[in-house]
PDB file of N, CA and C in Angstrom:
ATOM      1  N   MET A   1       8.469  -7.371   4.163  1.00  0.00           N
ATOM      2  CA  MET A   1       7.133  -7.802   3.405  1.00  0.00           C
ATOM      3  C   MET A   1       7.660  -8.463   2.024  1.00  0.00           C
ATOM      4  N   SER A   2       7.205 -10.405   1.856  1.00  0.00           N
ATOM      5  CA  SER A   2       7.642 -10.512   0.507  1.00  0.00           C
ATOM      6  C   SER A   2       6.438 -10.792  -0.131  1.00  0.00           C
ATOM      7  N   ILE A   3       6.948 -10.347  -1.608  1.00  0.00           N
ATOM      8  CA  ILE A   3       5.705 -10.014  -2.482  1.00  0.00           C
ATOM      9  C   ILE A   3       6.092 -11.041  -3.800  1.00  0.00           C
ATOM     10  N   MET A   4       4.738 -12.075  -3.653  1.00  0.00           N
ATOM     11  CA  MET A   4       4.952 -13.028  -4.856  1.00  0.00           C
ATOM     12  C   MET A   4       3.263 -12.637  -5.579  1.00  0.00           C
ATOM     13  N   PRO A   5       3.626 -12.421  -7.022  1.00  0.00           N
ATOM     14  CA  PRO A   5       2.932 -12.658  -8.038  1.00  0.00           C
ATOM     15  C   PRO A   5       2.637 -13.386  -8.145  1.00  0.00           C
ATOM     16  N   PRO A   6       1.276 -13.471  -8.830  1.00  0.00           N
ATOM     17  CA  PRO A   6       0.340 -14.261  -9.635  1.00  0.00           C
ATOM     18  C   PRO A   6       1.694 -14.819 -10.693  1.00  0.00           C
ATOM     19  N   ALA A   7       2.401 -16.950 -10.654  1.00  0.00           N
ATOM     20  CA  ALA A   7       2.973 -17.276 -11.556  1.00  0.00           C
ATOM     21  C   ALA A   7       3.047 -16.717 -12.954  1.00  0.00           C
ATOM     22  N   ASP A   8       1.669 -16.830 -13.815  1.00  0.00           N
ATOM     23  CA  ASP A   8       1.825 -16.351 -14.870  1.00  0.00           C
ATOM     24  C   ASP A   8       1.512 -14.739 -15.116  1.00  0.00           C
ATOM     25  N   LEU A   9       1.833 -13.784 -14.387  1.00  0.00           N
ATOM     26  CA  LEU A   9       1.899 -12.301 -14.516  1.00  0.00           C
ATOM     27  C   LEU A   9       2.933 -12.259 -15.317  1.00  0.00           C
ATOM     28  N   LYS A  10       2.913 -11.068 -16.124  1.00  0.00           N
ATOM     29  CA  LYS A  10       3.498 -10.558 -17.050  1.00  0.00           C
ATOM     30  C   LYS A  10       4.316  -9.545 -17.152  1.00  0.00           C
ATOM     31  N   PRO A  11       4.721  -9.059 -17.398  1.00  0.00           N
ATOM     32  CA  PRO A  11       5.039  -7.539 -17.009  1.00  0.00           C
ATOM     33  C   PRO A  11       3.983  -6.010 -17.532  1.00  0.00           C
ATOM     34  N   GLU A  12       3.958  -7.033 -18.904  1.00  0.00           N
ATOM     35  CA  GLU A  12       2.468  -6.491 -19.653  1.00  0.00           C
ATOM     36  C   GLU A  12       1.596  -5.903 -18.894  1.00  0.00           C
ATOM     37  N   ASP A  13       1.272  -7.259 -18.281  1.00  0.00           N
ATOM     38  CA  ASP A  13      -0.008  -7.071 -17.536  1.00  0.00           C
ATOM     39  C   ASP A  13      -0.211  -6.336 -16.135  1.00  0.00           C
ATOM     40  N   VAL A  14       0.640  -5.588 -16.036  1.00  0.00           N
ATOM     41  CA  VAL A  14       0.389  -4.449 -14.782  1.00  0.00           C
ATOM     42  C   VAL A  14       0.060  -3.678 -15.859  1.00  0.00           C
ATOM     43  N   SER A  15      -1.169  -2.901 -15.135  1.00  0.00           N
ATOM     44  CA  SER A  15      -1.603  -1.795 -15.692  1.00  0.00           C
ATOM     45  C   SER A  15      -1.005  -0.322 -15.694  1.00  0.00           C
ATOM     46  N   GLN A  16      -1.566   0.739 -16.670  1.00  0.00           N
ATOM     47  CA  GLN A  16      -0.628   1.779 -15.927  1.00  0.00           C
ATOM     48  C   GLN A  16      -1.869   2.247 -14.507  1.00  0.00           C
ATOM     49  N   GLY A  17      -2.661   2.027 -14.018  1.00  0.00           N
ATOM     50  CA  GLY A  17      -3.347   2.326 -13.247  1.00  0.00           C
ATOM     51  C   GLY A  17      -3.086   2.094 -12.266  1.00  0.00           C
ATOM     52  N   LEU A  18      -2.291   0.995 -12.262  1.00  0.00           N
ATOM     53  CA  LEU A  18      -1.498   0.532 -10.757  1.00  0.00           C
ATOM     54  C   LEU A  18       0.097   1.359 -10.500  1.00  0.00           C
ATOM     55  N   MET A  19       0.690   1.391 -11.781  1.00  0.00           N
ATOM     56  CA  MET A  19       2.053   2.609 -11.765  1.00  0.00           C
ATOM     57  C   MET A  19       1.491   4.007 -11.025  1.00  0.00           C
ATOM     58  N   ASP A  20       0.415   4.009 -11.800  1.00  0.00           N
ATOM     59  CA  ASP A  20      -0.216   5.674 -11.035  1.00  0.00           C
ATOM     60  C   ASP A  20      -0.569   5.751  -9.779  1.00  0.00           C
ATOM     61  N   ALA A  21      -0.962   4.388  -9.273  1.00  0.00           N
ATOM     62  CA  ALA A  21      -1.594   4.316  -7.503  1.00  0.00           C
ATOM     63  C   ALA A  21      -0.579   4.382  -7.039  1.00  0.00           C
ATOM     64  N   MET A  22       0.991   3.463  -6.961  1.00  0.00           N
ATOM     65  CA  MET A  22       1.898   3.445  -6.413  1.00  0.00           C
ATOM     66  C   MET A  22       2.679   4.453  -6.011  1.00  0.00           C
ATOM     67  N   ASP A  23       2.730   5.203  -7.743  1.00  0.00           N
ATOM     68  CA  ASP A  23       3.984   6.552  -6.842  1.00  0.00           C
ATOM     69  C   ASP A  23       3.674   7.151  -5.474  1.00  0.00           C
ATOM     70  N   PRO A  24       1.878   7.934  -5.562  1.00  0.00           N
ATOM     71  CA  PRO A  24       1.715   8.609  -4.262  1.00  0.00           C
ATOM     72  C   PRO A  24       1.284   7.307  -3.154  1.00  0.00           C
ATOM     73  N   TRP A  25       1.422   6.461  -3.296  1.00  0.00           N
ATOM     74  CA  TRP A  25       1.115   5.514  -2.064  1.00  0.00           C
ATOM     75  C   TRP A  25       2.676   5.092  -1.447  1.00  0.00           C
ATOM     76  N   MET A  26       3.911   5.435  -2.274  1.00  0.00           N
ATOM     77  CA  MET A  26       5.421   5.264  -2.172  1.00  0.00           C
ATOM     78  C   MET A  26       5.689   6.099  -1.065  1.00  0.00           C
ATOM     79  N   GLU A  27       5.266   7.654  -1.624  1.00  0.00           N
ATOM     80  CA  GLU A  27       5.761   8.985  -1.407  1.00  0.00           C
ATOM     81  C   GLU A  27       5.170   8.954   0.252  1.00  0.00           C
ATOM     82  N   LYS A  28       3.449   8.122   0.196  1.00  0.00           N
ATOM     83  CA  LYS A  28       2.832   8.735   1.613  1.00  0.00           C
ATOM     84  C   LYS A  28       3.765   8.175   2.685  1.00  0.00           C
ATOM     85  N   HIS A  29       4.233   6.674   2.387  1.00  0.00           N
ATOM     86  CA  HIS A  29       4.771   6.080   3.296  1.00  0.00           C
ATOM     87  C   HIS A  29       5.905   6.242   3.719  1.00  0.00           C
ATOM     88  N   ILE A  30       6.532   6.945   2.504  1.00  0.00           N
ATOM     89  CA  ILE A  30       8.162   7.095   2.524  1.00  0.00           C
ATOM     90  C   ILE A  30       8.502   8.695   3.564  1.00  0.00           C
ATOM     91  N   ALA A  31       7.485   9.641   3.256  1.00  0.00           N
ATOM     92  CA  ALA A  31       7.241  10.465   3.668  1.00  0.00           C
ATOM     93  C   ALA A  31       6.662  10.531   5.556  1.00  0.00           C
ATOM     94  N   ALA A  32       6.323   9.493   5.878  1.00  0.00           N
ATOM     95  CA  ALA A  32       5.396   8.976   7.215  1.00  0.00           C
ATOM     96  C   ALA A  32       6.759   8.230   7.936  1.00  0.00           C
ATOM     97  N   GLY A  33       7.961   7.657   7.241  1.00  0.00           N
ATOM     98  CA  GLY A  33       8.536   6.934   7.687  1.00  0.00           C
ATOM     99  C   GLY A  33       8.791   5.404   7.746  1.00  0.00           C
ATOM    100  N   THR A  34       7.361   5.178   7.585  1.00  0.00           N
ATOM    101  CA  THR A  34       7.026   3.768   7.605  1.00  0.00           C
ATOM    102  C   THR A  34       7.622   2.729   5.917  1.00  0.00           C
ATOM    103  N   LEU A  35       8.180   3.481   5.002  1.00  0.00           N
ATOM    104  CA  LEU A  35       8.704   2.794   3.812  1.00  0.00           C
ATOM    105  C   LEU A  35      10.391   2.968   4.055  1.00  0.00           C
ATOM    106  N   ILE A  36      10.816   2.179   4.098  1.00  0.00           N
ATOM    107  CA  ILE A  36      11.970   2.065   4.545  1.00  0.00           C
ATOM    108  C   ILE A  36      12.975   1.295   2.836  1.00  0.00           C
ATOM    109  N   SER A  37      12.498   0.689   2.244  1.00  0.00           N
ATOM    110  CA  SER A  37      12.923  -0.199   1.213  1.00  0.00           C
ATOM    111  C   SER A  37      12.489  -0.702   0.420  1.00  0.00           C
ATOM    112  N   THR A  38      12.111  -0.636  -1.261  1.00  0.00           N
ATOM    113  CA  THR A  38      11.718  -1.499  -1.418  1.00  0.00           C
ATOM    114  C   THR A  38      12.608  -2.404  -3.083  1.00  0.00           C
ATOM    115  N   GLY A  39      12.275  -3.094  -3.443  1.00  0.00           N
ATOM    116  CA  GLY A  39      12.667  -3.525  -4.490  1.00  0.00           C
ATOM    117  C   GLY A  39      11.998  -4.924  -5.768  1.00  0.00           C
ATOM    118  N   GLY A  40      12.005  -4.922  -6.536  1.00  0.00           N
ATOM    119  CA  GLY A  40      11.388  -5.781  -7.551  1.00  0.00           C
ATOM    120  C   GLY A  40      12.948  -6.663  -8.222  1.00  0.00           C
ATOM    121  N   LEU A  41      12.320  -7.950  -8.264  1.00  0.00           N
ATOM    122  CA  LEU A  41      13.373  -8.959  -8.513  1.00  0.00           C
ATOM    123  C   LEU A  41      12.849  -9.608  -9.900  1.00  0.00           C
ATOM    124  N   LYS A  42      13.869  -9.824 -11.004  1.00  0.00           N
ATOM    125  CA  LYS A  42      14.282 -10.411 -11.954  1.00  0.00           C
ATOM    126  C   LYS A  42      13.688 -11.862 -11.972  1.00  0.00           C
ATOM    127  N   ASP A  43      13.140 -12.000 -12.978  1.00  0.00           N
ATOM    128  CA  ASP A  43      12.131 -13.249 -12.894  1.00  0.00           C
ATOM    129  C   ASP A  43      13.011 -14.174 -12.785  1.00  0.00           C
ATOM    130  N   ALA A  44      12.355 -15.703 -12.592  1.00  0.00           N
ATOM    131  CA  ALA A  44      13.348 -16.744 -12.184  1.00  0.00           C
ATOM    132  C   ALA A  44      14.339 -17.290 -12.968  1.00  0.00           C
ATOM    133  N   GLU A  45      13.703 -16.801 -14.483  1.00  0.00           N
ATOM    134  CA  GLU A  45      14.807 -17.215 -15.838  1.00  0.00           C
ATOM    135  C   GLU A  45      15.888 -16.521 -15.607  1.00  0.00           C
ATOM    136  N   GLN A  46      16.104 -15.859 -14.710  1.00  0.00           N
ATOM    137  CA  GLN A  46      17.404 -14.737 -15.094  1.00  0.00           C
ATOM    138  C   GLN A  46      18.245 -14.933 -13.307  1.00  0.00           C
ATOM    139  N   GLY A  47      17.437 -15.879 -12.752  1.00  0.00           N
ATOM    140  CA  GLY A  47      18.448 -16.289 -11.401  1.00  0.00           C
ATOM    141  C   GLY A  47      18.987 -17.304 -11.595  1.00  0.00           C
ATOM    142  N   ARG A  48      19.738 -18.072 -10.490  1.00  0.00           N
ATOM    143  CA  ARG A  48      20.473 -18.893  -9.672  1.00  0.00           C
ATOM    144  C   ARG A  48      19.907 -18.899  -9.028  1.00  0.00           C
ATOM    145  N   ARG A  49      20.198 -20.401  -8.485  1.00  0.00           N
ATOM    146  CA  ARG A  49      20.132 -21.409  -7.386  1.00  0.00           C
ATOM    147  C   ARG A  49      21.118 -22.024  -6.789  1.00  0.00           C
ATOM    148  N   LEU A  50      21.545 -22.147  -5.472  1.00  0.00           N
ATOM    149  CA  LEU A  50      23.324 -22.570  -5.043  1.00  0.00           C
ATOM    150  C   LEU A  50      22.333 -23.616  -4.124  1.00  0.00           C
ATOM    151  N   LYS A  51      22.840 -24.482  -4.064  1.00  0.00           N
ATOM    152  CA  LYS A  51      22.121 -25.966  -2.921  1.00  0.00           C
ATOM    153  C   LYS A  51      23.417 -26.398  -2.477  1.00  0.00           C
ATOM    154  N   GLY A  52      23.362 -26.913  -1.281  1.00  0.00           N
ATOM    155  CA  GLY A  52      24.545 -27.627  -0.571  1.00  0.00           C
ATOM    156  C   GLY A  52      24.171 -28.595   0.326  1.00  0.00           C
ATOM    157  N   ALA A  53      23.108 -29.200   0.248  1.00  0.00           N
ATOM    158  CA  ALA A  53      22.199 -30.324   1.165  1.00  0.00           C
ATOM    159  C   ALA A  53      22.939 -31.705   0.922  1.00  0.00           C
ATOM    160  N   THR A  54      24.100 -31.920   0.121  1.00  0.00           N
ATOM    161  CA  THR A  54      24.739 -33.199  -0.157  1.00  0.00           C
ATOM    162  C   THR A  54      26.501 -32.451   0.340  1.00  0.00           C
ATOM    163  N   GLY A  55      26.468 -31.460   0.799  1.00  0.00           N
ATOM    164  CA  GLY A  55      28.293 -31.258   1.072  1.00  0.00           C
ATOM    165  C   GLY A  55      28.622 -30.861   0.216  1.00  0.00           C
ATOM    166  N   THR A  56      28.404 -30.877  -1.155  1.00  0.00           N
ATOM    167  CA  THR A  56      28.813 -29.929  -2.106  1.00  0.00           C
ATOM    168  C   THR A  56      27.753 -28.876  -2.407  1.00  0.00           C
ATOM    169  N   ILE A  57      28.262 -27.855  -3.313  1.00  0.00           N
ATOM    170  CA  ILE A  57      27.464 -26.666  -3.571  1.00  0.00           C
ATOM    171  C   ILE A  57      27.064 -27.374  -5.121  1.00  0.00           C
ATOM    172  N   ILE A  58      25.439 -27.126  -5.540  1.00  0.00           N
ATOM    173  CA  ILE A  58      25.458 -27.141  -6.348  1.00  0.00           C
ATOM    174  C   ILE A  58      24.540 -26.019  -6.942  1.00  0.00           C
ATOM    175  N   VAL A  59      24.770 -25.578  -8.066  1.00  0.00           N
ATOM    176  CA  VAL A  59      24.764 -24.109  -8.815  1.00  0.00           C
ATOM    177  C   VAL A  59      23.697 -24.387  -9.853  1.00  0.00           C
ATOM    178  N   THR A  60      22.833 -24.110  -9.810  1.00  0.00           N
ATOM    179  CA  THR A  60      21.567 -24.576 -10.711  1.00  0.00           C
ATOM    180  C   THR A  60      20.895 -22.863 -11.476  1.00  0.00           C
ATOM    181  N   ASP A  61      20.667 -23.301 -12.896  1.00  0.00           N
ATOM    182  CA  ASP A  61      20.227 -21.795 -13.475  1.00  0.00           C
ATOM    183  C   ASP A  61      18.892 -22.140 -13.943  1.00  0.00           C
ATOM    184  N   GLY A  62      18.034 -20.698 -13.566  1.00  0.00           N
ATOM    185  CA  GLY A  62      16.820 -21.072 -13.396  1.00  0.00           C
ATOM    186  C   GLY A  62      16.051 -21.432 -15.119  1.00  0.00           C
ATOM    187  N   PRO A  63      15.111 -21.274 -15.307  1.00  0.00           N
ATOM    188  CA  PRO A  63      13.952 -21.274 -14.237  1.00  0.00           C
ATOM    189  C   PRO A  63      13.705 -22.342 -13.151  1.00  0.00           C
ATOM    190  N   PHE A  64      13.318 -22.475 -11.947  1.00  0.00           N
ATOM    191  CA  PHE A  64      12.813 -23.368 -11.142  1.00  0.00           C
ATOM    192  C   PHE A  64      11.700 -23.757 -11.229  1.00  0.00           C
ATOM    193  N   ALA A  65      11.632 -25.006 -12.079  1.00  0.00           N
ATOM    194  CA  ALA A  65      10.099 -25.716 -11.660  1.00  0.00           C
ATOM    195  C   ALA A  65       9.519 -25.663 -10.858  1.00  0.00           C
ATOM    196  N   GLU A  66      10.520 -26.451  -9.512  1.00  0.00           N
ATOM    197  CA  GLU A  66      10.019 -26.704  -8.254  1.00  0.00           C
ATOM    198  C   GLU A  66       8.857 -25.949  -7.302  1.00  0.00           C
ATOM    199  N   ALA A  67       9.364 -24.330  -7.714  1.00  0.00           N
ATOM    200  CA  ALA A  67       8.752 -23.546  -7.152  1.00  0.00           C
ATOM    201  C   ALA A  67       7.227 -23.285  -7.185  1.00  0.00           C
ATOM    202  N   LYS A  68       6.498 -23.107  -6.594  1.00  0.00           N
ATOM    203  CA  LYS A  68       5.149 -22.937  -6.728  1.00  0.00           C
ATOM    204  C   LYS A  68       4.512 -21.300  -6.459  1.00  0.00           C
ATOM    205  N   GLU A  69       5.381 -20.922  -5.838  1.00  0.00           N
ATOM    206  CA  GLU A  69       5.565 -19.380  -5.532  1.00  0.00           C
ATOM    207  C   GLU A  69       7.134 -18.764  -5.402  1.00  0.00           C
ATOM    208  N   VAL A  70       6.789 -18.069  -5.962  1.00  0.00           N
ATOM    209  CA  VAL A  70       8.267 -17.035  -6.716  1.00  0.00           C
ATOM    210  C   VAL A  70       8.489 -15.641  -6.119  1.00  0.00           C
ATOM    211  N   LEU A  71       9.389 -15.639  -5.377  1.00  0.00           N
ATOM    212  CA  LEU A  71       9.076 -14.432  -5.018  1.00  0.00           C
ATOM    213  C   LEU A  71       9.600 -13.372  -6.014  1.00  0.00           C
ATOM    214  N   GLY A  72       8.647 -12.088  -6.130  1.00  0.00           N
ATOM    215  CA  GLY A  72       9.169 -11.388  -6.903  1.00  0.00           C
ATOM    216  C   GLY A  72       9.197  -9.830  -6.806  1.00  0.00           C
ATOM    217  N   GLY A  73       9.264  -9.847  -5.416  1.00  0.00           N
ATOM    218  CA  GLY A  73       9.896  -8.537  -4.658  1.00  0.00           C
ATOM    219  C   GLY A  73       9.959  -8.940  -3.240  1.00  0.00           C
ATOM    220  N   TYR A  74      10.290  -7.139  -2.896  1.00  0.00           N
ATOM    221  CA  TYR A  74       9.766  -6.987  -1.144  1.00  0.00           C
ATOM    222  C   TYR A  74       9.484  -5.634  -0.831  1.00  0.00           C
ATOM    223  N   ALA A  75       9.689  -5.068   0.184  1.00  0.00           N
ATOM    224  CA  ALA A  75       9.573  -3.920   0.878  1.00  0.00           C
ATOM    225  C   ALA A  75       9.759  -4.285   2.275  1.00  0.00           C
ATOM    226  N   VAL A  76      10.771  -3.062   2.689  1.00  0.00           N
ATOM    227  CA  VAL A  76      10.845  -3.291   4.370  1.00  0.00           C
ATOM    228  C   VAL A  76      10.002  -1.888   5.369  1.00  0.00           C
ATOM    229  N   PHE A  77       9.245  -2.498   5.644  1.00  0.00           N
ATOM    230  CA  PHE A  77       8.488  -1.486   6.745  1.00  0.00           C
ATOM    231  C   PHE A  77       8.925  -1.409   7.870  1.00  0.00           C
ATOM    232  N   GLU A  78       8.841   0.516   8.393  1.00  0.00           N
ATOM    233  CA  GLU A  78       9.219   0.467  10.023  1.00  0.00           C
ATOM    234  C   GLU A  78       7.933   0.357  10.770  1.00  0.00           C
ATOM    235  N   ALA A  79       7.301  -0.206  11.749  1.00  0.00           N
ATOM    236  CA  ALA A  79       6.290  -0.608  12.111  1.00  0.00           C
ATOM    237  C   ALA A  79       6.052  -1.004  13.663  1.00  0.00           C
ATOM    238  N   PRO A  80       5.423  -0.758  14.579  1.00  0.00           N
ATOM    239  CA  PRO A  80       5.440  -0.280  15.834  1.00  0.00           C
ATOM    240  C   PRO A  80       5.368  -1.859  16.103  1.00  0.00           C
ATOM    241  N   ASP A  81       4.570  -3.265  15.013  1.00  0.00           N
ATOM    242  CA  ASP A  81       4.176  -3.981  15.790  1.00  0.00           C
ATOM    243  C   ASP A  81       3.336  -4.861  14.633  1.00  0.00           C
ATOM    244  N   LEU A  82       3.110  -6.001  14.540  1.00  0.00           N
ATOM    245  CA  LEU A  82       2.665  -6.637  13.318  1.00  0.00           C
ATOM    246  C   LEU A  82       1.288  -6.390  12.682  1.00  0.00           C
ATOM    247  N   ASP A  83       0.439  -5.957  13.911  1.00  0.00           N
ATOM    248  CA  ASP A  83      -0.733  -5.285  12.824  1.00  0.00           C
ATOM    249  C   ASP A  83      -0.726  -4.127  12.527  1.00  0.00           C
ATOM    250  N   ALA A  84       0.467  -3.324  12.674  1.00  0.00           N
ATOM    251  CA  ALA A  84       0.422  -2.141  12.281  1.00  0.00           C
ATOM    252  C   ALA A  84       1.564  -2.592  10.319  1.00  0.00           C
ATOM    253  N   ALA A  85       2.121  -3.476  10.670  1.00  0.00           N
ATOM    254  CA  ALA A  85       2.656  -3.993   8.819  1.00  0.00           C
ATOM    255  C   ALA A  85       1.307  -4.272   8.407  1.00  0.00           C
ATOM    256  N   THR A  86       1.136  -5.094   9.187  1.00  0.00           N
ATOM    257  CA  THR A  86      -0.829  -5.991   8.133  1.00  0.00           C
ATOM    258  C   THR A  86      -1.533  -4.740   7.952  1.00  0.00           C
ATOM    259  N   ALA A  87      -1.726  -3.442   8.288  1.00  0.00           N
ATOM    260  CA  ALA A  87      -2.712  -2.249   8.089  1.00  0.00           C
ATOM    261  C   ALA A  87      -1.155  -1.967   6.493  1.00  0.00           C
ATOM    262  N   VAL A  88      -0.173  -1.704   6.541  1.00  0.00           N
ATOM    263  CA  VAL A  88       0.226  -1.217   4.916  1.00  0.00           C
ATOM    264  C   VAL A  88       0.442  -2.646   4.076  1.00  0.00           C
ATOM    265  N   ALA A  89       0.686  -3.535   4.473  1.00  0.00           N
ATOM    266  CA  ALA A  89       0.240  -4.329   3.637  1.00  0.00           C
ATOM    267  C   ALA A  89      -1.204  -4.492   2.957  1.00  0.00           C
ATOM    268  N   ARG A  90      -2.123  -4.600   3.821  1.00  0.00           N
ATOM    269  CA  ARG A  90      -2.653  -4.457   3.442  1.00  0.00           C
ATOM    270  C   ARG A  90      -3.707  -3.653   2.183  1.00  0.00           C
ATOM    271  N   GLU A  91      -3.029  -2.448   2.525  1.00  0.00           N
ATOM    272  CA  GLU A  91      -3.137  -1.206   1.361  1.00  0.00           C
ATOM    273  C   GLU A  91      -2.586  -1.524   0.351  1.00  0.00           C
ATOM    274  N   PHE A  92      -1.226  -2.203   0.140  1.00  0.00           N
ATOM    275  CA  PHE A  92      -0.730  -2.572  -0.580  1.00  0.00           C
ATOM    276  C   PHE A  92      -1.542  -3.758  -1.648  1.00  0.00           C
ATOM    277  N   MET A  93      -2.027  -4.113  -0.720  1.00  0.00           N
ATOM    278  CA  MET A  93      -2.277  -5.193  -1.560  1.00  0.00           C
ATOM    279  C   MET A  93      -4.173  -4.937  -2.523  1.00  0.00           C
ATOM    280  N   GLN A  94      -4.737  -3.899  -1.382  1.00  0.00           N
ATOM    281  CA  GLN A  94      -6.301  -3.498  -1.777  1.00  0.00           C
ATOM    282  C   GLN A  94      -5.523  -2.816  -3.697  1.00  0.00           C
ATOM    283  N   MET A  95      -4.306  -1.914  -3.480  1.00  0.00           N
ATOM    284  CA  MET A  95      -4.503  -1.626  -4.591  1.00  0.00           C
ATOM    285  C   MET A  95      -4.207  -2.038  -5.907  1.00  0.00           C
ATOM    286  N   HIS A  96      -3.309  -3.340  -5.692  1.00  0.00           N
ATOM    287  CA  HIS A  96      -3.077  -4.398  -6.580  1.00  0.00           C
ATOM    288  C   HIS A  96      -4.453  -4.669  -7.258  1.00  0.00           C
ATOM    289  N   ILE A  97      -5.148  -5.369  -5.800  1.00  0.00           N
ATOM    290  CA  ILE A  97      -6.783  -5.802  -6.707  1.00  0.00           C
ATOM    291  C   ILE A  97      -7.708  -5.003  -7.257  1.00  0.00           C
ATOM    292  N   GLN A  98      -7.495  -3.558  -6.816  1.00  0.00           N
ATOM    293  CA  GLN A  98      -8.164  -2.490  -7.311  1.00  0.00           C
ATOM    294  C   GLN A  98      -7.560  -2.212  -8.981  1.00  0.00           C
ATOM    295  N   ASN A  99      -6.571  -2.801  -9.100  1.00  0.00           N
ATOM    296  CA  ASN A  99      -6.148  -2.524 -10.634  1.00  0.00           C
ATOM    297  C   ASN A  99      -5.755  -3.758 -11.238  1.00  0.00           C
ATOM    298  N   GLY A 100      -6.463  -5.250 -10.868  1.00  0.00           N
ATOM    299  CA  GLY A 100      -6.424  -5.664 -12.274  1.00  0.00           C
ATOM    300  C   GLY A 100      -5.299  -7.044 -11.344  1.00  0.00           C
ATOM    301  N   ILE A 101      -4.814  -7.120 -10.235  1.00  0.00           N
ATOM    302  CA  ILE A 101      -3.607  -8.264  -9.499  1.00  0.00           C
ATOM    303  C   ILE A 101      -4.661  -8.378  -8.470  1.00  0.00           C
ATOM    304  N   PRO A 102      -5.574  -9.464  -8.331  1.00  0.00           N
ATOM    305  CA  PRO A 102      -6.004 -10.302  -7.252  1.00  0.00           C
ATOM    306  C   PRO A 102      -5.428 -11.378  -6.857  1.00  0.00           C
ATOM    307  N   GLY A 103      -4.281 -12.052  -7.933  1.00  0.00           N
ATOM    308  CA  GLY A 103      -3.622 -13.202  -6.841  1.00  0.00           C
ATOM    309  C   GLY A 103      -2.378 -12.753  -6.616  1.00  0.00           C
ATOM    310  N   LEU A 104      -2.139 -11.857  -5.778  1.00  0.00           N
ATOM    311  CA  LEU A 104      -0.958 -11.479  -5.275  1.00  0.00           C
ATOM    312  C   LEU A 104      -1.125 -11.956  -3.982  1.00  0.00           C
ATOM    313  N   VAL A 105      -0.196 -12.815  -3.635  1.00  0.00           N
ATOM    314  CA  VAL A 105       0.407 -12.852  -2.272  1.00  0.00           C
ATOM    315  C   VAL A 105       1.769 -12.434  -1.485  1.00  0.00           C
ATOM    316  N   LEU A 106       0.640 -11.738  -0.330  1.00  0.00           N
ATOM    317  CA  LEU A 106       1.929 -11.143   0.586  1.00  0.00           C
ATOM    318  C   LEU A 106       2.436 -12.190   2.057  1.00  0.00           C
ATOM    319  N   GLU A 107       3.890 -12.022   2.149  1.00  0.00           N
ATOM    320  CA  GLU A 107       4.400 -12.488   3.821  1.00  0.00           C
ATOM    321  C   GLU A 107       4.816 -11.419   4.290  1.00  0.00           C
ATOM    322  N   LEU A 108       4.574 -11.430   5.795  1.00  0.00           N
ATOM    323  CA  LEU A 108       5.056 -10.813   6.344  1.00  0.00           C
ATOM    324  C   LEU A 108       5.970 -11.280   7.492  1.00  0.00           C
ATOM    325  N   ARG A 109       7.099 -11.022   7.560  1.00  0.00           N
ATOM    326  CA  ARG A 109       7.894 -10.819   8.443  1.00  0.00           C
ATOM    327  C   ARG A 109       8.840 -10.415   9.262  1.00  0.00           C
ATOM    328  N   GLU A 110       8.790 -10.262  10.455  1.00  0.00           N
ATOM    329  CA  GLU A 110       9.836  -9.380  11.635  1.00  0.00           C
ATOM    330  C   GLU A 110      11.037  -9.867  10.843  1.00  0.00           C
ATOM    331  N   ILE A 111      12.045  -8.848  11.000  1.00  0.00           N
ATOM    332  CA  ILE A 111      13.532  -8.795  10.782  1.00  0.00           C
ATOM    333  C   ILE A 111      13.831  -9.071  11.981  1.00  0.00           C
ATOM    334  N   ALA A 112      14.903 -10.184  12.514  1.00  0.00           N
ATOM    335  CA  ALA A 112      15.058 -10.482  13.534  1.00  0.00           C
ATOM    336  C   ALA A 112      17.030 -10.184  13.293  1.00  0.00           C
ATOM    337  N   GLY A 113      17.428  -9.221  14.282  1.00  0.00           N
ATOM    338  CA  GLY A 113      18.985  -9.245  14.096  1.00  0.00           C
ATOM    339  C   GLY A 113      19.522  -8.324  12.868  1.00  0.00           C
ATOM    340  N   GLY A 114      20.170  -9.077  12.584  1.00  0.00           N
ATOM    341  CA  GLY A 114      20.976  -8.443  11.153  1.00  0.00           C
ATOM    342  C   GLY A 114      21.792  -7.245  11.133  1.00  0.00           C
ATOM    343  N   ALA A 115      22.475  -6.605  10.391  1.00  0.00           N
ATOM    344  CA  ALA A 115      23.379  -5.763  10.693  1.00  0.00           C
ATOM    345  C   ALA A 115      23.683  -5.064   9.326  1.00  0.00           C
ATOM    346  N   ASN A 116      23.756  -3.610   9.457  1.00  0.00           N
ATOM    347  CA  ASN A 116      23.590  -2.513   8.419  1.00  0.00           C
ATOM    348  C   ASN A 116      25.172  -1.913   8.257  1.00  0.00           C
ATOM    349  N   TYR A 117      25.757  -2.450   7.014  1.00  0.00           N
ATOM    350  CA  TYR A 117      27.207  -2.241   6.916  1.00  0.00           C
ATOM    351  C   TYR A 117      27.263  -0.630   6.108  1.00  0.00           C
TER     352      TYR A 117
END
């Protein structure tokens, strides 16, 4: 699950209510074996983008003005199918809506292949 917060969301906009709701939600899903990994990303101003379209690698420091939606975090779930993953994502989104962040966008994708080292 890719998590894209509203573009104007600041850390101080995240309510204590959301933080209080997040802990038991995460504990429940860790205990159930559905939550594998989560992480937040620092803002785009602290990032760097590499492009190789010209055959030469071009490195650009953030912020990235052309980005309309910026990835703010991720969560990896173990789910039997897309419907089950959607149910977990709906819980996550509803928790944010109830705590003052209705503009969250989530994107679900199955991990195809890959390796753990």
